[in-house]
Amino acid sequence: MIAFSQRFTCTIDEACEATGLGRTKLYELIGAGHLATTTVGRRRLVAVQSLLSLLKANMST
Protein backbone atom coordinates (compact mmCIF):
# COMPACT_ATOMS: atom_id res chain seq x y z
CA MET A 1 0.00 0.00 0.00
CA ILE A 2 1.24 3.49 -0.88
CA ALA A 3 1.80 5.98 1.95
CA PHE A 4 -0.86 8.70 2.02
CA SER A 5 1.68 11.48 1.36
CA GLN A 6 2.93 9.68 -1.77
CA ARG A 7 -0.50 9.34 -3.37
CA PHE A 8 -1.64 11.80 -6.03
CA THR A 9 -5.29 11.92 -4.98
CA CYS A 10 -7.70 10.72 -2.33
CA THR A 11 -11.46 10.60 -1.98
CA ILE A 12 -13.43 13.10 0.08
CA ASP A 13 -14.02 10.43 2.74
CA GLU A 14 -10.29 9.62 2.91
CA ALA A 15 -9.47 13.33 3.23
CA CYS A 16 -12.00 13.61 6.07
CA GLU A 17 -10.49 10.63 7.85
CA ALA A 18 -6.92 11.87 7.40
CA THR A 19 -7.62 15.42 8.61
CA GLY A 20 -10.43 14.98 11.09
CA LEU A 21 -12.51 17.53 9.19
CA GLY A 22 -16.10 16.95 8.19
CA ARG A 23 -17.39 16.67 4.64
CA THR A 24 -19.08 20.07 4.85
CA LYS A 25 -15.85 21.84 5.85
CA LEU A 26 -13.91 20.08 3.09
CA TYR A 27 -16.47 21.16 0.51
CA GLU A 28 -16.25 24.73 1.88
CA LEU A 29 -12.47 24.67 1.42
CA ILE A 30 -12.88 23.29 -2.09
CA GLY A 31 -15.45 25.96 -2.95
CA ALA A 32 -13.18 28.70 -1.62
CA GLY A 33 -10.34 27.44 -3.83
CA HIS A 34 -8.13 26.26 -0.96
CA LEU A 35 -8.08 22.63 -2.11
CA ALA A 36 -7.40 21.38 -5.61
CA THR A 37 -9.71 18.64 -6.86
CA THR A 38 -10.45 16.77 -10.03
CA THR A 39 -13.53 14.89 -11.10
CA VAL A 40 -13.35 11.47 -12.72
CA GLY A 41 -16.79 10.39 -13.81
CA ARG A 42 -18.99 11.22 -10.83
CA ARG A 43 -16.15 10.91 -8.33
CA ARG A 44 -14.45 13.97 -6.86
CA LEU A 45 -10.83 13.42 -5.88
CA VAL A 46 -8.74 15.74 -3.73
CA ALA A 47 -5.11 16.41 -4.68
CA VAL A 48 -3.13 15.09 -1.71
CA GLN A 49 -0.35 17.68 -2.11
CA SER A 50 -2.96 20.44 -1.97
CA LEU A 51 -4.36 18.94 1.24
CA LEU A 52 -0.90 18.58 2.80
CA SER A 53 0.03 22.15 1.82
CA LEU A 54 -3.15 23.51 3.41
CA LEU A 55 -2.48 21.62 6.63
CA LYS A 56 1.18 22.66 6.72
CA ALA A 57 0.27 26.34 6.18
CA ASN A 58 -2.31 26.25 8.97
CA MET A 59 0.00 24.46 11.39
CA SER A 60 2.69 27.11 11.04
CA THR A 61 0.35 30.00 11.92
PDB file of N, CA and C in Angstrom:
ATOM      1  N   MET A   1       0.838  -1.182   0.000  1.00  0.00           N
ATOM      2  CA  MET A   1       0.000   0.000   0.000  1.00  0.00           C
ATOM      3  C   MET A   1       0.886   1.249   0.000  1.00  0.00           C
ATOM      4  N   ILE A   2       0.478   2.241  -0.745  1.00  0.00           N
ATOM      5  CA  ILE A   2       1.236   3.485  -0.876  1.00  0.00           C
ATOM      6  C   ILE A   2       0.943   4.385   0.323  1.00  0.00           C
ATOM      7  N   ALA A   3       1.983   5.030   0.849  1.00  0.00           N
ATOM      8  CA  ALA A   3       1.795   5.979   1.950  1.00  0.00           C
ATOM      9  C   ALA A   3       0.911   7.131   1.479  1.00  0.00           C
ATOM     10  N   PHE A   4       0.093   7.643   2.376  1.00  0.00           N
ATOM     11  CA  PHE A   4      -0.856   8.703   2.024  1.00  0.00           C
ATOM     12  C   PHE A   4      -0.153   9.880   1.356  1.00  0.00           C
ATOM     13  N   SER A   5       0.979  10.309   1.897  1.00  0.00           N
ATOM     14  CA  SER A   5       1.679  11.480   1.364  1.00  0.00           C
ATOM     15  C   SER A   5       2.274  11.240  -0.018  1.00  0.00           C
ATOM     16  N   GLN A   6       2.377   9.986  -0.453  1.00  0.00           N
ATOM     17  CA  GLN A   6       2.931   9.679  -1.769  1.00  0.00           C
ATOM     18  C   GLN A   6       1.851   9.467  -2.826  1.00  0.00           C
ATOM     19  N   ARG A   7       0.601   9.500  -2.420  1.00  0.00           N
ATOM     20  CA  ARG A   7      -0.498   9.342  -3.370  1.00  0.00           C
ATOM     21  C   ARG A   7      -0.738  10.664  -4.097  1.00  0.00           C
ATOM     22  N   PHE A   8      -1.297  10.598  -5.279  1.00  0.00           N
ATOM     23  CA  PHE A   8      -1.641  11.801  -6.029  1.00  0.00           C
ATOM     24  C   PHE A   8      -2.987  12.357  -5.585  1.00  0.00           C
ATOM     25  N   THR A   9      -3.949  11.483  -5.359  1.00  0.00           N
ATOM     26  CA  THR A   9      -5.292  11.918  -4.984  1.00  0.00           C
ATOM     27  C   THR A   9      -5.869  11.021  -3.894  1.00  0.00           C
ATOM     28  N   CYS A  10      -6.940  11.520  -3.288  1.00  0.00           N
ATOM     29  CA  CYS A  10      -7.702  10.720  -2.327  1.00  0.00           C
ATOM     30  C   CYS A  10      -9.165  11.126  -2.450  1.00  0.00           C
ATOM     31  N   THR A  11     -10.034  10.288  -1.947  1.00  0.00           N
ATOM     32  CA  THR A  11     -11.462  10.602  -1.979  1.00  0.00           C
ATOM     33  C   THR A  11     -11.783  11.611  -0.874  1.00  0.00           C
ATOM     34  N   ILE A  12     -12.969  12.172  -0.951  1.00  0.00           N
ATOM     35  CA  ILE A  12     -13.431  13.096   0.082  1.00  0.00           C
ATOM     36  C   ILE A  12     -13.443  12.389   1.438  1.00  0.00           C
ATOM     37  N   ASP A  13     -13.964  11.173   1.474  1.00  0.00           N
ATOM     38  CA  ASP A  13     -14.018  10.426   2.737  1.00  0.00           C
ATOM     39  C   ASP A  13     -12.624  10.167   3.304  1.00  0.00           C
ATOM     40  N   GLU A  14     -11.662   9.842   2.445  1.00  0.00           N
ATOM     41  CA  GLU A  14     -10.292   9.620   2.906  1.00  0.00           C
ATOM     42  C   GLU A  14      -9.679  10.916   3.429  1.00  0.00           C
ATOM     43  N   ALA A  15      -9.971  12.031   2.770  1.00  0.00           N
ATOM     44  CA  ALA A  15      -9.471  13.328   3.229  1.00  0.00           C
ATOM     45  C   ALA A  15     -10.072  13.679   4.588  1.00  0.00           C
ATOM     46  N   CYS A  16     -11.349  13.380   4.775  1.00  0.00           N
ATOM     47  CA  CYS A  16     -12.004  13.611   6.073  1.00  0.00           C
ATOM     48  C   CYS A  16     -11.334  12.785   7.161  1.00  0.00           C
ATOM     49  N   GLU A  17     -11.104  11.533   6.870  1.00  0.00           N
ATOM     50  CA  GLU A  17     -10.490  10.635   7.850  1.00  0.00           C
ATOM     51  C   GLU A  17      -9.067  11.073   8.189  1.00  0.00           C
ATOM     52  N   ALA A  18      -8.316  11.492   7.189  1.00  0.00           N
ATOM     53  CA  ALA A  18      -6.922  11.872   7.398  1.00  0.00           C
ATOM     54  C   ALA A  18      -6.786  13.178   8.177  1.00  0.00           C
ATOM     55  N   THR A  19      -7.730  14.103   7.994  1.00  0.00           N
ATOM     56  CA  THR A  19      -7.620  15.422   8.614  1.00  0.00           C
ATOM     57  C   THR A  19      -8.472  15.599   9.857  1.00  0.00           C
ATOM     58  N   GLY A  20      -9.503  14.797   9.985  1.00  0.00           N
ATOM     59  CA  GLY A  20     -10.433  14.978  11.091  1.00  0.00           C
ATOM     60  C   GLY A  20     -11.488  16.028  10.808  1.00  0.00           C
ATOM     61  N   LEU A  21     -11.505  16.546   9.586  1.00  0.00           N
ATOM     62  CA  LEU A  21     -12.510  17.530   9.192  1.00  0.00           C
ATOM     63  C   LEU A  21     -13.745  16.825   8.665  1.00  0.00           C
ATOM     64  N   GLY A  22     -14.868  17.504   8.721  1.00  0.00           N
ATOM     65  CA  GLY A  22     -16.101  16.949   8.190  1.00  0.00           C
ATOM     66  C   GLY A  22     -16.228  17.211   6.698  1.00  0.00           C
ATOM     67  N   ARG A  23     -17.156  16.514   6.078  1.00  0.00           N
ATOM     68  CA  ARG A  23     -17.386  16.669   4.636  1.00  0.00           C
ATOM     69  C   ARG A  23     -17.780  18.108   4.285  1.00  0.00           C
ATOM     70  N   THR A  24     -18.623  18.707   5.124  1.00  0.00           N
ATOM     71  CA  THR A  24     -19.085  20.071   4.854  1.00  0.00           C
ATOM     72  C   THR A  24     -17.912  21.038   4.828  1.00  0.00           C
ATOM     73  N   LYS A  25     -17.007  20.948   5.796  1.00  0.00           N
ATOM     74  CA  LYS A  25     -15.848  21.835   5.855  1.00  0.00           C
ATOM     75  C   LYS A  25     -14.937  21.610   4.655  1.00  0.00           C
ATOM     76  N   LEU A  26     -14.740  20.354   4.265  1.00  0.00           N
ATOM     77  CA  LEU A  26     -13.908  20.083   3.086  1.00  0.00           C
ATOM     78  C   LEU A  26     -14.515  20.704   1.838  1.00  0.00           C
ATOM     79  N   TYR A  27     -15.819  20.564   1.673  1.00  0.00           N
ATOM     80  CA  TYR A  27     -16.466  21.162   0.511  1.00  0.00           C
ATOM     81  C   TYR A  27     -16.400  22.687   0.559  1.00  0.00           C
ATOM     82  N   GLU A  28     -16.434  23.282   1.755  1.00  0.00           N
ATOM     83  CA  GLU A  28     -16.253  24.734   1.882  1.00  0.00           C
ATOM     84  C   GLU A  28     -14.857  25.136   1.413  1.00  0.00           C
ATOM     85  N   LEU A  29     -13.843  24.383   1.833  1.00  0.00           N
ATOM     86  CA  LEU A  29     -12.468  24.671   1.422  1.00  0.00           C
ATOM     87  C   LEU A  29     -12.291  24.506  -0.084  1.00  0.00           C
ATOM     88  N   ILE A  30     -12.929  23.505  -0.646  1.00  0.00           N
ATOM     89  CA  ILE A  30     -12.876  23.294  -2.095  1.00  0.00           C
ATOM     90  C   ILE A  30     -13.540  24.463  -2.810  1.00  0.00           C
ATOM     91  N   GLY A  31     -14.719  24.855  -2.345  1.00  0.00           N
ATOM     92  CA  GLY A  31     -15.454  25.962  -2.954  1.00  0.00           C
ATOM     93  C   GLY A  31     -14.707  27.284  -2.878  1.00  0.00           C
ATOM     94  N   ALA A  32     -13.948  27.474  -1.795  1.00  0.00           N
ATOM     95  CA  ALA A  32     -13.176  28.702  -1.616  1.00  0.00           C
ATOM     96  C   ALA A  32     -11.862  28.671  -2.394  1.00  0.00           C
ATOM     97  N   GLY A  33     -11.561  27.543  -3.037  1.00  0.00           N
ATOM     98  CA  GLY A  33     -10.341  27.435  -3.832  1.00  0.00           C
ATOM     99  C   GLY A  33      -9.105  27.073  -3.031  1.00  0.00           C
ATOM    100  N   HIS A  34      -9.277  26.616  -1.793  1.00  0.00           N
ATOM    101  CA  HIS A  34      -8.133  26.259  -0.956  1.00  0.00           C
ATOM    102  C   HIS A  34      -7.637  24.839  -1.193  1.00  0.00           C
ATOM    103  N   LEU A  35      -8.469  24.002  -1.804  1.00  0.00           N
ATOM    104  CA  LEU A  35      -8.082  22.625  -2.106  1.00  0.00           C
ATOM    105  C   LEU A  35      -8.290  22.352  -3.588  1.00  0.00           C
ATOM    106  N   ALA A  36      -7.295  21.758  -4.206  1.00  0.00           N
ATOM    107  CA  ALA A  36      -7.399  21.381  -5.614  1.00  0.00           C
ATOM    108  C   ALA A  36      -8.077  20.019  -5.721  1.00  0.00           C
ATOM    109  N   THR A  37      -9.017  19.914  -6.639  1.00  0.00           N
ATOM    110  CA  THR A  37      -9.708  18.644  -6.861  1.00  0.00           C
ATOM    111  C   THR A  37      -9.814  18.374  -8.352  1.00  0.00           C
ATOM    112  N   THR A  38     -10.136  17.155  -8.667  1.00  0.00           N
ATOM    113  CA  THR A  38     -10.448  16.766 -10.032  1.00  0.00           C
ATOM    114  C   THR A  38     -11.637  15.822  -9.973  1.00  0.00           C
ATOM    115  N   THR A  39     -12.380  15.777 -11.040  1.00  0.00           N
ATOM    116  CA  THR A  39     -13.528  14.886 -11.100  1.00  0.00           C
ATOM    117  C   THR A  39     -13.279  13.838 -12.171  1.00  0.00           C
ATOM    118  N   VAL A  40     -13.468  12.587 -11.793  1.00  0.00           N
ATOM    119  CA  VAL A  40     -13.354  11.468 -12.722  1.00  0.00           C
ATOM    120  C   VAL A  40     -14.704  10.774 -12.700  1.00  0.00           C
ATOM    121  N   GLY A  41     -15.424  10.895 -13.799  1.00  0.00           N
ATOM    122  CA  GLY A  41     -16.794  10.387 -13.812  1.00  0.00           C
ATOM    123  C   GLY A  41     -17.617  11.194 -12.831  1.00  0.00           C
ATOM    124  N   ARG A  42     -18.213  10.524 -11.859  1.00  0.00           N
ATOM    125  CA  ARG A  42     -18.986  11.216 -10.830  1.00  0.00           C
ATOM    126  C   ARG A  42     -18.209  11.349  -9.523  1.00  0.00           C
ATOM    127  N   ARG A  43     -16.965  10.924  -9.540  1.00  0.00           N
ATOM    128  CA  ARG A  43     -16.155  10.915  -8.329  1.00  0.00           C
ATOM    129  C   ARG A  43     -15.282  12.148  -8.222  1.00  0.00           C
ATOM    130  N   ARG A  44     -15.328  12.821  -7.095  1.00  0.00           N
ATOM    131  CA  ARG A  44     -14.454  13.965  -6.862  1.00  0.00           C
ATOM    132  C   ARG A  44     -13.261  13.502  -6.042  1.00  0.00           C
ATOM    133  N   LEU A  45     -12.069  13.808  -6.539  1.00  0.00           N
ATOM    134  CA  LEU A  45     -10.829  13.416  -5.879  1.00  0.00           C
ATOM    135  C   LEU A  45     -10.059  14.664  -5.464  1.00  0.00           C
ATOM    136  N   VAL A  46      -9.507  14.632  -4.271  1.00  0.00           N
ATOM    137  CA  VAL A  46      -8.736  15.744  -3.727  1.00  0.00           C
ATOM    138  C   VAL A  46      -7.259  15.494  -4.008  1.00  0.00           C
ATOM    139  N   ALA A  47      -6.559  16.523  -4.472  1.00  0.00           N
ATOM    140  CA  ALA A  47      -5.115  16.415  -4.678  1.00  0.00           C
ATOM    141  C   ALA A  47      -4.439  16.364  -3.305  1.00  0.00           C
ATOM    142  N   VAL A  48      -3.739  15.288  -3.026  1.00  0.00           N
ATOM    143  CA  VAL A  48      -3.129  15.088  -1.707  1.00  0.00           C
ATOM    144  C   VAL A  48      -2.129  16.199  -1.399  1.00  0.00           C
ATOM    145  N   GLN A  49      -1.331  16.613  -2.362  1.00  0.00           N
ATOM    146  CA  GLN A  49      -0.352  17.676  -2.114  1.00  0.00           C
ATOM    147  C   GLN A  49      -1.035  18.977  -1.725  1.00  0.00           C
ATOM    148  N   SER A  50      -2.187  19.257  -2.322  1.00  0.00           N
ATOM    149  CA  SER A  50      -2.964  20.437  -1.967  1.00  0.00           C
ATOM    150  C   SER A  50      -3.432  20.345  -0.519  1.00  0.00           C
ATOM    151  N   LEU A  51      -3.896  19.184  -0.126  1.00  0.00           N
ATOM    152  CA  LEU A  51      -4.358  18.945   1.241  1.00  0.00           C
ATOM    153  C   LEU A  51      -3.201  19.084   2.234  1.00  0.00           C
ATOM    154  N   LEU A  52      -2.066  18.490   1.917  1.00  0.00           N
ATOM    155  CA  LEU A  52      -0.900  18.576   2.798  1.00  0.00           C
ATOM    156  C   LEU A  52      -0.389  20.011   2.909  1.00  0.00           C
ATOM    157  N   SER A  53      -0.403  20.751   1.810  1.00  0.00           N
ATOM    158  CA  SER A  53       0.031  22.153   1.823  1.00  0.00           C
ATOM    159  C   SER A  53      -0.882  23.002   2.695  1.00  0.00           C
ATOM    160  N   LEU A  54      -2.177  22.770   2.593  1.00  0.00           N
ATOM    161  CA  LEU A  54      -3.146  23.508   3.410  1.00  0.00           C
ATOM    162  C   LEU A  54      -2.901  23.232   4.890  1.00  0.00           C
ATOM    163  N   LEU A  55      -2.715  21.974   5.235  1.00  0.00           N
ATOM    164  CA  LEU A  55      -2.478  21.618   6.633  1.00  0.00           C
ATOM    165  C   LEU A  55      -1.163  22.199   7.142  1.00  0.00           C
ATOM    166  N   LYS A  56      -0.123  22.133   6.323  1.00  0.00           N
ATOM    167  CA  LYS A  56       1.177  22.665   6.725  1.00  0.00           C
ATOM    168  C   LYS A  56       1.102  24.176   6.941  1.00  0.00           C
ATOM    169  N   ALA A  57       0.408  24.884   6.055  1.00  0.00           N
ATOM    170  CA  ALA A  57       0.270  26.337   6.178  1.00  0.00           C
ATOM    171  C   ALA A  57      -0.492  26.708   7.446  1.00  0.00           C
ATOM    172  N   ASN A  58      -1.519  25.948   7.779  1.00  0.00           N
ATOM    173  CA  ASN A  58      -2.314  26.251   8.967  1.00  0.00           C
ATOM    174  C   ASN A  58      -1.614  25.842  10.254  1.00  0.00           C
ATOM    175  N   MET A  59      -0.726  24.881  10.190  1.00  0.00           N
ATOM    176  CA  MET A  59      -0.003  24.459  11.390  1.00  0.00           C
ATOM    177  C   MET A  59       1.089  25.456  11.756  1.00  0.00           C
ATOM    178  N   SER A  60       1.604  26.177  10.776  1.00  0.00           N
ATOM    179  CA  SER A  60       2.693  27.111  11.042  1.00  0.00           C
ATOM    180  C   SER A  60       2.193  28.468  11.519  1.00  0.00           C
ATOM    181  N   THR A  61       0.873  28.699  11.463  1.00  0.00           N
ATOM    182  CA  THR A  61       0.347  29.998  11.918  1.00  0.00           C
ATOM    183  C   THR A  61      -0.210  29.905  13.300  1.00  0.00           C
TER     184      THR A  61
END
